[in-house]
Amino acid sequence: MKGNPREPIHIHVELAEIEAKFWLLPSVHVAYNDGYDARTLRELLEIVESNSERIVRAWNDHFRD
């Protein structure tokens, strides 16, 4: 899938039947959480924040025309 993405930059984190979605811009924050406990969600948020530049760069490379 190239071209215009349907949504702004985001990442999904899935494990078995649980999932969370994080928006990356203008700042990293949880879009929704379906099953992660608060501690795990905080840990995931820290991981996404620490890798946000890499994720944004990969997103832009993927959707580049």
Protein backbone atom coordinates (compact mmCIF):
# COMPACT_ATOMS: atom_id res chain seq x y z
CA MET A 1 0.00 0.00 0.00
CA LYS A 2 1.62 3.21 -1.14
CA GLY A 3 0.34 6.74 -1.42
CA ASN A 4 -1.94 8.46 1.04
CA PRO A 5 -2.58 6.55 4.26
CA ARG A 6 -6.15 6.62 5.55
CA GLU A 7 -5.10 7.78 9.02
CA PRO A 8 -2.32 9.85 10.59
CA ILE A 9 0.84 8.12 11.77
CA HIS A 10 0.04 5.40 14.29
CA ILE A 11 1.12 1.97 15.45
CA HIS A 12 -0.84 -1.06 16.65
CA VAL A 13 0.46 -3.37 19.36
CA GLU A 14 -1.23 -6.78 19.44
CA LEU A 15 -0.83 -9.84 21.61
CA ALA A 16 -3.27 -12.71 21.26
CA GLU A 17 -6.72 -11.13 21.70
CA ILE A 18 -5.58 -7.75 23.08
CA GLU A 19 -4.59 -4.63 21.17
CA ALA A 20 -3.62 -1.01 21.67
CA LYS A 21 -3.21 1.78 19.14
CA PHE A 22 -0.89 4.74 19.58
CA TRP A 23 -0.95 8.02 17.67
CA LEU A 24 2.56 9.38 17.13
CA LEU A 25 1.95 13.02 16.21
CA PRO A 26 1.83 15.69 17.46
CA SER A 27 2.90 13.62 20.49
CA VAL A 28 2.75 9.94 21.34
CA HIS A 29 -0.50 9.01 23.07
CA VAL A 30 -2.89 6.10 23.35
CA ALA A 31 -5.68 6.12 20.76
CA TYR A 32 -7.36 3.07 22.30
CA ASN A 33 -6.62 0.13 24.54
CA ASP A 34 -8.49 -3.13 24.33
CA GLY A 35 -7.17 -5.36 27.08
CA TYR A 36 -3.72 -4.24 28.26
CA ASP A 37 -3.42 -3.57 31.99
CA ALA A 38 -2.26 -0.11 33.11
CA ARG A 39 1.31 -1.19 33.85
CA THR A 40 1.81 -2.88 30.48
CA LEU A 41 0.21 0.06 28.68
CA ARG A 42 2.67 2.46 30.37
CA GLU A 43 5.56 0.22 29.33
CA LEU A 44 4.30 0.10 25.75
CA LEU A 45 3.90 3.87 25.72
CA GLU A 46 7.53 4.27 26.82
CA ILE A 47 8.70 1.89 24.08
CA VAL A 48 6.71 3.70 21.40
CA GLU A 49 7.96 7.09 22.64
CA SER A 50 11.59 5.97 22.61
CA ASN A 51 11.20 4.66 19.06
CA SER A 52 8.88 7.33 17.69
CA GLU A 53 11.43 8.91 15.34
CA ARG A 54 12.19 5.50 13.83
CA ILE A 55 8.51 4.70 13.45
CA VAL A 56 7.74 8.04 11.79
CA ARG A 57 10.69 7.61 9.42
CA ALA A 58 9.54 4.07 8.48
CA TRP A 59 5.95 5.28 7.99
CA ASN A 60 7.11 8.09 5.70
CA ASP A 61 9.36 5.72 3.73
CA HIS A 62 6.49 3.28 3.30
CA PHE A 63 3.95 5.86 2.12
CA ARG A 64 6.32 7.89 -0.04
CA ASP A 65 4.94 8.33 -3.56
